Every structure is written in C-alpha cells, then in structure tokens.
C-alpha cells in the first residue's frame, strides 16, 4: 500500500509575515489554509483514483517543540522518522500548494529509491531552471559554504541530465520507498543542527529550508535517486499561455501564486477539482 502525505501548519512566524498584496482581505495564514485545503481535496480525489491512502495533517508533530526560521518546512521529514509510516511501500510527499491534474500514477513512474524533479531540470518559457547557484557566483558561494560547514558534499549533475554544480531536488514533490526512508532514518544528519547553523550564520532563508538539506543528505549517503519529468512538478504561471495547465501536478509557489490558484479554481481550470 502506498501513501500521499501532505500537511499545512502555520505558526506565530507565519502570522508575523506581511500580508500577500493580492490578498488584502485576509492574513497569509488564512490564505495558506484555504489553498492547503484545496490542494488536499485535489489529492484525496487522486488517491481514490489510483488506489492509495491519503493523509492531510494540520498538526505539528515531528517538529513540535523546535524553533527556528524554517522549522515548519522540516515537518515533511515525519514520513521518514515516524514509524507509523513503515507499513507503506512508497510515500509521496506533496506540498499543500499543488493541484493534481492527472490520473497517471506517480508511484509507477520510477523504480529508484527516491525520485522527484531536480531544480536544474525545470525549464520555463524564459529558459533556465530554478538552479540559481548555476547562474550567480554569489549564490553558489553561499551554498558551497553552507554545505562545507555541515559536512555535505557538493555533488554535480552530469549528462544526460542538465549540468548543475549541485544536484538539488524541488522537494515539493518527492516519492520515497520504504528502503529509502529506513536508510535516511539511520544515516541522515541532524536536520535541526543544519537549520540552527543557518540562523547562527545569518544564512538567507532558502539555505535553511528542507530542500538543500534533504538533497544534500541524499547525495551524501548514496541513496539511489532519479529525476523524473517536469510535468510532475510544474508551475503554470511560468508560461505566457495555458500550456502550463497541461502538467500533471500544478505547483503554485509563493504567496501571489496562491491567490492565482484560488482564481484558477473559480475559473474551472482544473481537470478534476471542480469549482
């Protein structure tokens, strides 16, 4: 049996953040909760179609009692460290700002221990992917210093993949086999120490989140991984026309995009989640 795991948690730090300009009628937390529920309903429908379980958590469990600027992002590691998930063959973690737009089964896409879409493999209408460290020497230096401080190797990607100085998954969509989760539980470094290191050195927000940590740990400890097609993690608003809405999973990253997500729902742009 396989599982789709999602969560939406807000805290005091979320409440302190500025309101999203496109959503002046409510707080950022309110916006996140509305779109989170929408995403969860989308994947509940999908789970029924492909015959797997679905869990949508609104409680802070794995990271409860921990503090830090990016602590809530690490709640996704619950699927690795909480033994209640050991009964599942594969677990797909899906961000709660994603809409399912397909009936194709993501659990059949790869036989790798861990798979998702690499940042460097994501193309937009403007060309390059999200791998800013390959285009900015300043960002690359920050990332390399962060990894070196934390004993994480900078493993590059090579052809046939698009070349990048550091292999980094977009962790918004990732599938983990039971074997991968057990290996990670045994071998991964302390995520909290990684996050606290960032606060200590005043690292930029993005360096302290789950994405560079998880990607670095996968490479450091030699898990078998694969980058799957971009359609499993694409952002429709990155295109000047409606071609982005043909992707399997529609990822509305950022506050403004979440308002667009609500508008797209009202306008009937989703195949299976009706207004």
Protein backbone atom coordinates (compact mmCIF):
# COMPACT_ATOMS: atom_id res chain seq x y z
CA UNK A 1 0.00 0.00 0.00
CA UNK A 2 1.23 3.50 -0.89
CA UNK A 3 0.51 6.86 0.76
CA UNK A 4 0.30 10.51 -0.24
CA UNK A 5 1.34 12.68 2.71
CA UNK A 6 0.54 16.40 2.93
CA UNK A 7 0.40 18.92 5.73
CA UNK A 8 -0.46 22.55 6.35
CA UNK A 9 0.75 24.14 9.56
CA UNK A 10 1.01 27.82 10.41
CA UNK A 11 2.54 29.38 13.50
CA UNK A 12 3.41 32.74 15.02
CA UNK A 13 6.18 33.29 12.47
CA UNK A 14 3.64 32.89 9.66
CA UNK A 15 1.34 35.40 11.34
CA UNK A 16 4.17 37.94 11.60
CA UNK A 17 4.86 37.88 7.87
CA UNK A 18 3.40 40.61 5.69
CA UNK A 19 0.04 40.07 4.06
CA UNK A 20 0.10 38.96 0.46
CA UNK A 21 -0.65 42.13 -1.58
CA UNK A 22 -3.00 40.21 -3.90
CA UNK A 23 -4.98 39.04 -0.84
CA UNK A 24 -5.62 42.16 1.29
CA UNK A 25 -8.81 40.71 2.80
CA UNK A 26 -7.01 38.19 4.99
CA UNK A 27 -3.75 37.12 6.60
CA UNK A 28 -1.09 35.00 4.99
CA UNK A 29 -2.05 32.15 7.33
CA UNK A 30 -5.66 32.30 6.19
CA UNK A 31 -4.61 32.22 2.55
CA UNK A 32 -2.32 29.25 3.14
CA UNK A 33 -5.03 27.31 4.98
CA UNK A 34 -7.61 27.90 2.22
CA UNK A 35 -5.28 26.79 -0.56
CA UNK A 36 -3.95 23.93 1.57
CA UNK A 37 -7.46 22.54 1.97
CA UNK A 38 -7.99 22.91 -1.77
CA UNK A 39 -4.78 21.00 -2.53
CA UNK A 40 -5.68 18.27 -0.05
CA UNK A 41 -9.10 17.77 -1.62
CA UNK A 42 -7.43 17.51 -5.02
CA UNK A 43 -5.10 14.77 -3.83
CA UNK A 44 -7.82 12.99 -1.89
CA UNK A 45 -9.68 12.60 -5.19
CA UNK A 46 -6.44 11.48 -6.87
CA UNK A 47 -5.67 8.93 -4.15
CA UNK A 48 -9.10 7.35 -4.65
CA UNK A 49 -8.47 7.15 -8.40
CA UNK A 50 -5.07 5.43 -8.15
CA UNK A 51 -5.89 3.27 -5.12
CA UNK A 52 -3.64 4.63 -2.40
CA UNK A 53 -4.08 6.23 1.02
CA UNK A 54 -4.05 9.99 1.63
CA UNK A 55 -3.17 11.88 4.79
CA UNK A 56 -3.51 15.61 5.33
CA UNK A 57 -2.11 16.76 8.66
CA UNK A 58 -2.87 20.09 10.31
CA UNK A 59 -0.91 19.37 13.49
CA UNK A 60 2.76 19.97 14.17
CA UNK A 61 4.05 16.56 15.20
CA UNK A 62 7.63 15.83 14.14
CA UNK A 63 8.94 19.38 14.68
CA UNK A 64 6.84 20.14 17.77
CA UNK A 65 8.88 21.98 20.40
CA UNK A 66 11.54 23.05 17.91
CA UNK A 67 12.10 26.66 16.94
CA UNK A 68 13.76 28.35 14.01
CA UNK A 69 13.00 30.41 10.95
CA UNK A 70 12.25 27.41 8.73
CA UNK A 71 11.23 24.79 11.27
CA UNK A 72 7.79 24.04 9.77
CA UNK A 73 9.33 23.09 6.43
CA UNK A 74 11.03 20.13 8.10
CA UNK A 75 7.71 18.60 9.16
CA UNK A 76 7.94 16.70 5.86
CA UNK A 77 10.62 14.51 7.49
CA UNK A 78 7.89 12.97 9.62
CA UNK A 79 7.33 10.43 6.84
CA UNK A 80 10.93 9.23 7.41
CA UNK A 81 11.22 9.30 11.18
CA UNK A 82 7.71 8.40 12.34
CA UNK A 83 7.34 4.58 12.38
CA UNK A 84 3.60 4.84 11.69
CA UNK A 85 4.58 5.13 8.01
CA UNK A 86 6.65 1.94 7.97
CA UNK A 87 3.64 -0.06 6.80
CA UNK A 88 3.63 1.77 3.44
CA UNK A 89 5.67 0.65 0.43
CA UNK A 90 6.06 4.13 -1.08
CA UNK A 91 5.23 7.50 0.42
CA UNK A 92 4.82 10.58 -1.78
CA UNK A 93 5.27 13.91 -0.04
CA UNK A 94 3.29 16.63 -1.83
CA UNK A 95 3.35 20.32 -0.91
CA UNK A 96 -0.01 21.80 0.01
CA UNK A 97 0.13 24.43 -2.75
CA UNK A 98 -0.13 21.85 -5.54
CA UNK A 99 -3.18 20.77 -7.53
CA UNK A 100 -3.36 17.28 -9.02
CA UNK A 101 -4.23 17.43 -12.71
CA UNK A 102 -3.82 13.80 -13.81
CA UNK A 103 -4.94 10.22 -13.31
CA UNK A 104 -1.47 8.85 -14.11
CA UNK A 105 0.00 7.03 -11.11
CA UNK A 106 3.09 8.76 -9.73
CA UNK A 107 4.07 5.61 -7.86
CA UNK A 108 4.65 3.84 -11.19
CA UNK A 109 6.98 6.49 -12.65
CA UNK A 110 10.30 5.18 -11.30
CA UNK A 111 11.92 2.24 -9.52
CA UNK A 112 14.50 4.46 -7.80
CA UNK A 113 14.62 4.62 -4.01
CA UNK A 114 13.89 8.36 -4.13
CA UNK A 115 12.58 10.40 -7.02
CA UNK A 116 11.32 13.86 -7.85
CA UNK A 117 12.23 16.72 -10.19
CA UNK A 118 15.64 18.37 -9.92
CA UNK A 119 15.63 22.16 -9.82
CA UNK A 120 18.08 22.22 -12.74
CA UNK A 121 15.73 20.06 -14.85
CA UNK A 122 12.85 22.55 -14.57
CA UNK A 123 12.54 24.72 -17.69
CA UNK A 124 10.32 27.79 -18.06
CA UNK A 125 9.24 29.90 -21.03
CA UNK A 126 12.29 32.08 -20.28
CA UNK A 127 14.74 29.19 -20.43
CA UNK A 128 16.77 28.21 -17.38
CA UNK A 129 15.56 26.33 -14.36
CA UNK A 130 15.37 27.27 -10.68
CA UNK A 131 19.05 26.43 -10.07
CA UNK A 132 20.17 30.00 -9.36
CA UNK A 133 23.50 28.74 -7.98
CA UNK A 134 24.49 27.91 -11.56
CA UNK A 135 23.86 31.48 -12.73
CA UNK A 136 25.08 33.51 -9.76
CA UNK A 137 28.58 33.19 -8.31
CA UNK A 138 27.36 34.86 -5.09
CA UNK A 139 24.60 32.31 -4.54
CA UNK A 140 26.90 29.44 -5.45
CA UNK A 141 29.45 30.64 -2.87
CA UNK A 142 26.77 30.84 -0.15
CA UNK A 143 25.54 27.32 -0.92
CA UNK A 144 29.04 25.84 -1.02
CA UNK A 145 29.97 27.48 2.29
CA UNK A 146 26.78 26.20 3.91
CA UNK A 147 27.41 22.66 2.72
CA UNK A 148 31.07 22.71 3.76
CA UNK A 149 30.18 23.87 7.29
CA UNK A 150 27.74 20.99 7.59
CA UNK A 151 29.89 18.25 6.04
CA UNK A 152 27.74 17.91 2.93
CA UNK A 153 29.41 17.22 -0.44
CA UNK A 154 28.53 19.34 -3.47
CA UNK A 155 27.59 16.60 -5.94
CA UNK A 156 27.11 17.91 -9.50
CA UNK A 157 24.75 16.60 -12.15
CA UNK A 158 26.16 15.44 -15.47
CA UNK A 159 24.72 14.45 -18.88
CA UNK A 160 22.24 13.15 -19.82
CA UNK A 161 20.88 15.44 -17.09
CA UNK A 162 21.28 19.19 -17.46
CA UNK A 163 24.61 20.05 -15.87
CA UNK A 164 24.49 21.73 -12.47
CA UNK A 165 27.14 22.31 -9.81
CA UNK A 166 24.88 20.87 -7.08
CA UNK A 167 22.15 18.24 -7.55
CA UNK A 168 19.11 19.68 -5.80
CA UNK A 169 15.56 18.36 -5.79
CA UNK A 170 12.50 20.54 -5.65
CA UNK A 171 11.21 18.79 -2.55
CA UNK A 172 7.60 19.86 -3.15
CA UNK A 173 7.04 16.52 -4.86
CA UNK A 174 9.11 13.52 -3.82
CA UNK A 175 8.46 9.78 -3.64
CA UNK A 176 10.32 7.60 -1.14
CA UNK A 177 10.39 3.82 -0.99
CA UNK A 178 10.35 2.14 2.41
CA UNK A 179 14.02 1.18 1.91
CA UNK A 180 14.95 4.81 1.29
CA UNK A 181 13.07 6.02 4.33
CA UNK A 182 14.74 3.48 6.61
CA UNK A 183 18.18 4.35 5.22
CA UNK A 184 17.51 8.04 5.75
CA UNK A 185 16.33 7.42 9.31
CA UNK A 186 19.59 5.64 10.06
CA UNK A 187 22.05 7.82 8.16
CA UNK A 188 20.80 11.37 7.73
CA UNK A 189 22.49 14.11 9.74
CA UNK A 190 20.63 16.20 12.32
CA UNK A 191 18.22 18.48 10.44
CA UNK A 192 17.81 20.77 13.45
CA UNK A 193 21.56 21.36 13.70
CA UNK A 194 21.57 22.22 9.99
CA UNK A 195 18.79 24.75 10.47
CA UNK A 196 20.31 26.27 13.62
CA UNK A 197 23.64 26.62 11.83
CA UNK A 198 21.88 28.78 9.27
CA UNK A 199 20.36 31.03 11.91
CA UNK A 200 23.77 31.33 13.60
CA UNK A 201 25.48 32.40 10.38
CA UNK A 202 22.52 34.52 9.23
CA UNK A 203 22.12 32.45 6.09
CA UNK A 204 19.48 33.53 3.57
CA UNK A 205 16.08 31.93 4.21
CA UNK A 206 16.27 29.47 1.33
CA UNK A 207 19.55 27.93 2.54
CA UNK A 208 17.97 26.92 5.84
CA UNK A 209 14.98 25.09 4.45
CA UNK A 210 14.35 21.41 3.86
CA UNK A 211 15.28 21.44 0.18
CA UNK A 212 19.08 21.85 0.32
CA UNK A 213 19.23 19.70 3.45
CA UNK A 214 17.30 16.74 2.05
CA UNK A 215 19.01 16.93 -1.35
CA UNK A 216 22.43 17.11 0.26
CA UNK A 217 21.70 14.15 2.52
CA UNK A 218 20.51 12.02 -0.38
CA UNK A 219 23.79 12.66 -2.20
CA UNK A 220 25.98 12.34 0.89
CA UNK A 221 24.62 8.97 1.91
CA UNK A 222 24.34 7.43 -1.54
CA UNK A 223 20.61 6.82 -1.88
CA UNK A 224 19.51 5.62 -5.30
CA UNK A 225 17.73 8.60 -6.89
CA UNK A 226 16.21 9.72 -10.18
CA UNK A 227 14.93 12.98 -11.62
CA UNK A 228 11.53 12.46 -13.22
CA UNK A 229 9.83 14.60 -15.92
CA UNK A 230 8.95 18.19 -15.07
CA UNK A 231 5.24 17.56 -15.59
CA UNK A 232 5.17 16.10 -12.07
CA UNK A 233 6.15 19.46 -10.55
CA UNK A 234 5.44 22.46 -12.76
CA UNK A 235 4.18 25.99 -12.19
CA UNK A 236 1.51 27.04 -14.70
CA UNK A 237 2.06 30.77 -14.17
CA UNK A 238 5.60 30.47 -15.53
CA UNK A 239 4.17 30.31 -19.05
CA UNK A 240 2.59 33.13 -21.09
CA UNK A 241 -0.32 30.92 -22.19
CA UNK A 242 -2.29 27.94 -20.89
CA UNK A 243 0.31 25.29 -21.75
CA UNK A 244 1.33 25.06 -18.10
CA UNK A 245 -2.10 23.73 -17.20
CA UNK A 246 -1.35 20.51 -19.07
CA UNK A 247 1.16 19.46 -16.39
CA UNK A 248 0.31 16.56 -14.08
CA UNK A 249 0.93 18.47 -10.84
CA UNK A 250 0.40 22.25 -10.79
CA UNK A 251 2.66 23.90 -8.20
CA UNK A 252 1.63 27.39 -7.08
CA UNK A 253 4.79 28.56 -5.32
CA UNK A 254 4.76 31.86 -3.44
CA UNK A 255 2.01 33.94 -1.87
CA UNK A 256 0.80 35.67 -5.01
CA UNK A 257 0.57 32.39 -6.88
CA UNK A 258 -1.72 31.00 -4.19
CA UNK A 259 -4.21 33.76 -4.98
CA UNK A 260 -3.93 32.74 -8.63
CA UNK A 261 -4.58 29.16 -7.53
CA UNK A 262 -7.90 30.23 -5.98
CA UNK A 263 -8.80 32.21 -9.11
CA UNK A 264 -7.94 29.26 -11.36
CA UNK A 265 -10.19 27.06 -9.27
CA UNK A 266 -13.10 29.51 -9.58
CA UNK A 267 -12.48 29.74 -13.32
CA UNK A 268 -12.62 25.96 -13.79
CA UNK A 269 -9.02 25.49 -14.94
CA UNK A 270 -8.53 22.22 -13.06
CA UNK A 271 -9.48 18.91 -14.66
CA UNK A 272 -10.64 17.07 -11.56
CA UNK A 273 -11.17 19.66 -8.83
CA UNK A 274 -14.33 21.44 -9.89
CA UNK A 275 -15.42 24.91 -8.69
